Amino acid sequence: MAQLKITLKKSLIGRPKDQIATANSLGLTKPGKTTVQPDNVQTQGKITKISHLVEVTEA
């Protein structure tokens, strides 16, 4: 299965609680932190919700 490398590029300060919760569920807690997640429907939905805060590349 393909993997996605997700990096938080912007701060979560002042963001709505649902966006903060989505970032935390991906393991992103502060700017610059990177996680590798499986490329599936659930992960794609989370990325879509916070696409303006993250950078996504193939792992």
PDB file of N, CA and C in Angstrom:
ATOM      1  N   MET A   1       0.842  -1.184   0.000  1.00  0.00           N
ATOM      2  CA  MET A   1       0.000   0.000   0.000  1.00  0.00           C
ATOM      3  C   MET A   1       0.882   1.242   0.000  1.00  0.00           C
ATOM      4  N   ALA A   2       0.458   2.263  -0.708  1.00  0.00           N
ATOM      5  CA  ALA A   2       1.213   3.512  -0.793  1.00  0.00           C
ATOM      6  C   ALA A   2       1.184   4.241   0.548  1.00  0.00           C
ATOM      7  N   GLN A   3       2.214   5.006   0.776  1.00  0.00           N
ATOM      8  CA  GLN A   3       2.334   5.786   2.004  1.00  0.00           C
ATOM      9  C   GLN A   3       2.422   7.275   1.646  1.00  0.00           C
ATOM     10  N   LEU A   4       1.887   8.124   2.507  1.00  0.00           N
ATOM     11  CA  LEU A   4       1.943   9.570   2.326  1.00  0.00           C
ATOM     12  C   LEU A   4       2.750  10.193   3.449  1.00  0.00           C
ATOM     13  N   LYS A   5       3.618  11.112   3.096  1.00  0.00           N
ATOM     14  CA  LYS A   5       4.398  11.867   4.075  1.00  0.00           C
ATOM     15  C   LYS A   5       3.693  13.210   4.248  1.00  0.00           C
ATOM     16  N   ILE A   6       3.202  13.471   5.452  1.00  0.00           N
ATOM     17  CA  ILE A   6       2.400  14.656   5.729  1.00  0.00           C
ATOM     18  C   ILE A   6       3.164  15.552   6.707  1.00  0.00           C
ATOM     19  N   THR A   7       3.360  16.824   6.328  1.00  0.00           N
ATOM     20  CA  THR A   7       4.078  17.780   7.161  1.00  0.00           C
ATOM     21  C   THR A   7       3.167  18.952   7.487  1.00  0.00           C
ATOM     22  N   LEU A   8       3.095  19.317   8.769  1.00  0.00           N
ATOM     23  CA  LEU A   8       2.315  20.479   9.188  1.00  0.00           C
ATOM     24  C   LEU A   8       3.134  21.732   8.896  1.00  0.00           C
ATOM     25  N   LYS A   9       2.618  22.624   8.057  1.00  0.00           N
ATOM     26  CA  LYS A   9       3.355  23.807   7.628  1.00  0.00           C
ATOM     27  C   LYS A   9       2.938  25.075   8.361  1.00  0.00           C
ATOM     28  N   LYS A  10       1.734  25.111   8.907  1.00  0.00           N
ATOM     29  CA  LYS A  10       1.241  26.298   9.596  1.00  0.00           C
ATOM     30  C   LYS A  10       0.795  25.931  11.007  1.00  0.00           C
ATOM     31  N   SER A  11       0.818  26.912  11.877  1.00  0.00           N
ATOM     32  CA  SER A  11       0.453  26.703  13.273  1.00  0.00           C
ATOM     33  C   SER A  11      -1.033  26.396  13.429  1.00  0.00           C
ATOM     34  N   LEU A  12      -1.353  25.675  14.487  1.00  0.00           N
ATOM     35  CA  LEU A  12      -2.738  25.350  14.807  1.00  0.00           C
ATOM     36  C   LEU A  12      -3.379  26.393  15.722  1.00  0.00           C
ATOM     37  N   ILE A  13      -2.624  27.385  16.150  1.00  0.00           N
ATOM     38  CA  ILE A  13      -3.145  28.413  17.047  1.00  0.00           C
ATOM     39  C   ILE A  13      -4.247  29.198  16.340  1.00  0.00           C
ATOM     40  N   GLY A  14      -5.394  29.321  16.996  1.00  0.00           N
ATOM     41  CA  GLY A  14      -6.503  30.083  16.460  1.00  0.00           C
ATOM     42  C   GLY A  14      -7.357  29.334  15.456  1.00  0.00           C
ATOM     43  N   ARG A  15      -7.065  28.076  15.213  1.00  0.00           N
ATOM     44  CA  ARG A  15      -7.841  27.279  14.262  1.00  0.00           C
ATOM     45  C   ARG A  15      -9.062  26.695  14.964  1.00  0.00           C
ATOM     46  N   PRO A  16     -10.110  26.373  14.221  1.00  0.00           N
ATOM     47  CA  PRO A  16     -11.283  25.725  14.827  1.00  0.00           C
ATOM     48  C   PRO A  16     -10.901  24.385  15.464  1.00  0.00           C
ATOM     49  N   LYS A  17     -11.644  24.004  16.486  1.00  0.00           N
ATOM     50  CA  LYS A  17     -11.338  22.777  17.234  1.00  0.00           C
ATOM     51  C   LYS A  17     -11.362  21.536  16.358  1.00  0.00           C
ATOM     52  N   ASP A  18     -12.230  21.500  15.351  1.00  0.00           N
ATOM     53  CA  ASP A  18     -12.281  20.320  14.491  1.00  0.00           C
ATOM     54  C   ASP A  18     -11.017  20.180  13.644  1.00  0.00           C
ATOM     55  N   GLN A  19     -10.419  21.297  13.221  1.00  0.00           N
ATOM     56  CA  GLN A  19      -9.179  21.237  12.463  1.00  0.00           C
ATOM     57  C   GLN A  19      -8.011  20.811  13.358  1.00  0.00           C
ATOM     58  N   ILE A  20      -7.985  21.280  14.579  1.00  0.00           N
ATOM     59  CA  ILE A  20      -6.947  20.880  15.530  1.00  0.00           C
ATOM     60  C   ILE A  20      -7.057  19.387  15.814  1.00  0.00           C
ATOM     61  N   ALA A  21      -8.279  18.896  16.013  1.00  0.00           N
ATOM     62  CA  ALA A  21      -8.493  17.475  16.284  1.00  0.00           C
ATOM     63  C   ALA A  21      -8.076  16.623  15.091  1.00  0.00           C
ATOM     64  N   THR A  22      -8.339  17.100  13.887  1.00  0.00           N
ATOM     65  CA  THR A  22      -7.946  16.362  12.682  1.00  0.00           C
ATOM     66  C   THR A  22      -6.427  16.277  12.577  1.00  0.00           C
ATOM     67  N   ALA A  23      -5.749  17.388  12.821  1.00  0.00           N
ATOM     68  CA  ALA A  23      -4.284  17.397  12.778  1.00  0.00           C
ATOM     69  C   ALA A  23      -3.718  16.466  13.844  1.00  0.00           C
ATOM     70  N   ASN A  24      -4.280  16.498  15.043  1.00  0.00           N
ATOM     71  CA  ASN A  24      -3.812  15.622  16.114  1.00  0.00           C
ATOM     72  C   ASN A  24      -4.037  14.153  15.783  1.00  0.00           C
ATOM     73  N   SER A  25      -5.132  13.842  15.106  1.00  0.00           N
ATOM     74  CA  SER A  25      -5.401  12.451  14.746  1.00  0.00           C
ATOM     75  C   SER A  25      -4.393  11.930  13.720  1.00  0.00           C
ATOM     76  N   LEU A  26      -3.794  12.841  12.965  1.00  0.00           N
ATOM     77  CA  LEU A  26      -2.741  12.458  12.023  1.00  0.00           C
ATOM     78  C   LEU A  26      -1.367  12.438  12.697  1.00  0.00           C
ATOM     79  N   GLY A  27      -1.302  12.851  13.960  1.00  0.00           N
ATOM     80  CA  GLY A  27      -0.028  12.871  14.680  1.00  0.00           C
ATOM     81  C   GLY A  27       0.733  14.162  14.504  1.00  0.00           C
ATOM     82  N   LEU A  28       0.057  15.212  14.049  1.00  0.00           N
ATOM     83  CA  LEU A  28       0.695  16.510  13.819  1.00  0.00           C
ATOM     84  C   LEU A  28       0.322  17.453  14.953  1.00  0.00           C
ATOM     85  N   THR A  29       1.309  17.809  15.768  1.00  0.00           N
ATOM     86  CA  THR A  29       1.021  18.631  16.938  1.00  0.00           C
ATOM     87  C   THR A  29       1.633  20.019  16.869  1.00  0.00           C
ATOM     88  N   LYS A  30       2.729  20.190  16.119  1.00  0.00           N
ATOM     89  CA  LYS A  30       3.336  21.503  15.988  1.00  0.00           C
ATOM     90  C   LYS A  30       3.947  21.659  14.596  1.00  0.00           C
ATOM     91  N   PRO A  31       4.115  22.891  14.143  1.00  0.00           N
ATOM     92  CA  PRO A  31       4.628  23.126  12.790  1.00  0.00           C
ATOM     93  C   PRO A  31       5.982  22.463  12.567  1.00  0.00           C
ATOM     94  N   GLY A  32       6.145  21.885  11.396  1.00  0.00           N
ATOM     95  CA  GLY A  32       7.387  21.217  11.050  1.00  0.00           C
ATOM     96  C   GLY A  32       7.378  19.735  11.324  1.00  0.00           C
ATOM     97  N   LYS A  33       6.418  19.265  12.094  1.00  0.00           N
ATOM     98  CA  LYS A  33       6.348  17.840  12.412  1.00  0.00           C
ATOM     99  C   LYS A  33       5.833  17.063  11.201  1.00  0.00           C
ATOM    100  N   THR A  34       6.418  15.895  10.965  1.00  0.00           N
ATOM    101  CA  THR A  34       6.080  15.070   9.814  1.00  0.00           C
ATOM    102  C   THR A  34       5.688  13.671  10.264  1.00  0.00           C
ATOM    103  N   THR A  35       4.664  13.118   9.617  1.00  0.00           N
ATOM    104  CA  THR A  35       4.262  11.738   9.872  1.00  0.00           C
ATOM    105  C   THR A  35       4.082  11.020   8.543  1.00  0.00           C
ATOM    106  N   VAL A  36       4.153   9.707   8.592  1.00  0.00           N
ATOM    107  CA  VAL A  36       3.885   8.881   7.415  1.00  0.00           C
ATOM    108  C   VAL A  36       2.606   8.107   7.694  1.00  0.00           C
ATOM    109  N   GLN A  37       1.651   8.258   6.795  1.00  0.00           N
ATOM    110  CA  GLN A  37       0.337   7.630   6.959  1.00  0.00           C
ATOM    111  C   GLN A  37       0.013   6.808   5.715  1.00  0.00           C
ATOM    112  N   PRO A  38      -0.830   5.782   5.843  1.00  0.00           N
ATOM    113  CA  PRO A  38      -1.238   5.011   4.667  1.00  0.00           C
ATOM    114  C   PRO A  38      -2.134   5.853   3.758  1.00  0.00           C
ATOM    115  N   ASP A  39      -2.029   5.633   2.472  1.00  0.00           N
ATOM    116  CA  ASP A  39      -2.844   6.354   1.501  1.00  0.00           C
ATOM    117  C   ASP A  39      -4.170   5.618   1.339  1.00  0.00           C
ATOM    118  N   ASN A  40      -5.153   6.007   2.162  1.00  0.00           N
ATOM    119  CA  ASN A  40      -6.485   5.399   2.079  1.00  0.00           C
ATOM    120  C   ASN A  40      -7.549   6.488   2.152  1.00  0.00           C
ATOM    121  N   VAL A  41      -8.792   6.101   2.074  1.00  0.00           N
ATOM    122  CA  VAL A  41      -9.892   7.059   2.024  1.00  0.00           C
ATOM    123  C   VAL A  41      -9.965   7.909   3.286  1.00  0.00           C
ATOM    124  N   GLN A  42      -9.752   7.298   4.438  1.00  0.00           N
ATOM    125  CA  GLN A  42      -9.825   8.034   5.696  1.00  0.00           C
ATOM    126  C   GLN A  42      -8.739   9.109   5.764  1.00  0.00           C
ATOM    127  N   THR A  43      -7.528   8.750   5.407  1.00  0.00           N
ATOM    128  CA  THR A  43      -6.422   9.702   5.444  1.00  0.00           C
ATOM    129  C   THR A  43      -6.651  10.815   4.424  1.00  0.00           C
ATOM    130  N   GLN A  44      -7.137  10.477   3.245  1.00  0.00           N
ATOM    131  CA  GLN A  44      -7.405  11.492   2.222  1.00  0.00           C
ATOM    132  C   GLN A  44      -8.459  12.497   2.717  1.00  0.00           C
ATOM    133  N   GLY A  45      -9.471  12.023   3.426  1.00  0.00           N
ATOM    134  CA  GLY A  45     -10.490  12.915   3.969  1.00  0.00           C
ATOM    135  C   GLY A  45      -9.923  13.867   5.007  1.00  0.00           C
ATOM    136  N   LYS A  46      -9.042  13.364   5.863  1.00  0.00           N
ATOM    137  CA  LYS A  46      -8.406  14.209   6.877  1.00  0.00           C
ATOM    138  C   LYS A  46      -7.524  15.262   6.215  1.00  0.00           C
ATOM    139  N   ILE A  47      -6.784  14.846   5.200  1.00  0.00           N
ATOM    140  CA  ILE A  47      -5.911  15.788   4.488  1.00  0.00           C
ATOM    141  C   ILE A  47      -6.737  16.871   3.806  1.00  0.00           C
ATOM    142  N   THR A  48      -7.867  16.497   3.220  1.00  0.00           N
ATOM    143  CA  THR A  48      -8.734  17.471   2.563  1.00  0.00           C
ATOM    144  C   THR A  48      -9.227  18.523   3.547  1.00  0.00           C
ATOM    145  N   LYS A  49      -9.554  18.093   4.762  1.00  0.00           N
ATOM    146  CA  LYS A  49     -10.083  19.007   5.772  1.00  0.00           C
ATOM    147  C   LYS A  49      -9.058  20.059   6.198  1.00  0.00           C
ATOM    148  N   ILE A  50      -7.777  19.672   6.236  1.00  0.00           N
ATOM    149  CA  ILE A  50      -6.746  20.619   6.678  1.00  0.00           C
ATOM    150  C   ILE A  50      -5.699  20.851   5.583  1.00  0.00           C
ATOM    151  N   SER A  51      -6.121  20.797   4.329  1.00  0.00           N
ATOM    152  CA  SER A  51      -5.186  20.916   3.202  1.00  0.00           C
ATOM    153  C   SER A  51      -4.446  22.252   3.191  1.00  0.00           C
ATOM    154  N   HIS A  52      -5.047  23.302   3.740  1.00  0.00           N
ATOM    155  CA  HIS A  52      -4.410  24.614   3.775  1.00  0.00           C
ATOM    156  C   HIS A  52      -3.319  24.710   4.845  1.00  0.00           C
ATOM    157  N   LEU A  53      -3.200  23.691   5.696  1.00  0.00           N
ATOM    158  CA  LEU A  53      -2.208  23.694   6.767  1.00  0.00           C
ATOM    159  C   LEU A  53      -1.052  22.718   6.548  1.00  0.00           C
ATOM    160  N   VAL A  54      -1.221  21.783   5.611  1.00  0.00           N
ATOM    161  CA  VAL A  54      -0.241  20.700   5.458  1.00  0.00           C
ATOM    162  C   VAL A  54       0.359  20.651   4.057  1.00  0.00           C
ATOM    163  N   GLU A  55       1.486  19.931   3.981  1.00  0.00           N
ATOM    164  CA  GLU A  55       2.116  19.620   2.697  1.00  0.00           C
ATOM    165  C   GLU A  55       2.206  18.105   2.619  1.00  0.00           C
ATOM    166  N   VAL A  56       1.775  17.549   1.484  1.00  0.00           N
ATOM    167  CA  VAL A  56       1.714  16.100   1.330  1.00  0.00           C
ATOM    168  C   VAL A  56       2.605  15.663   0.161  1.00  0.00           C
ATOM    169  N   THR A  57       3.419  14.632   0.407  1.00  0.00           N
ATOM    170  CA  THR A  57       4.251  14.035  -0.632  1.00  0.00           C
ATOM    171  C   THR A  57       4.180  12.525  -0.518  1.00  0.00           C
ATOM    172  N   GLU A  58       4.589  11.838  -1.574  1.00  0.00           N
ATOM    173  CA  GLU A  58       4.681  10.376  -1.532  1.00  0.00           C
ATOM    174  C   GLU A  58       5.871   9.978  -0.651  1.00  0.00           C
ATOM    175  N   ALA A  59       5.678   8.975   0.177  1.00  0.00           N
ATOM    176  CA  ALA A  59       6.763   8.521   1.050  1.00  0.00           C
ATOM    177  C   ALA A  59       7.546   7.408   0.379  1.00  0.00           C
TER     178      ALA A  59
END
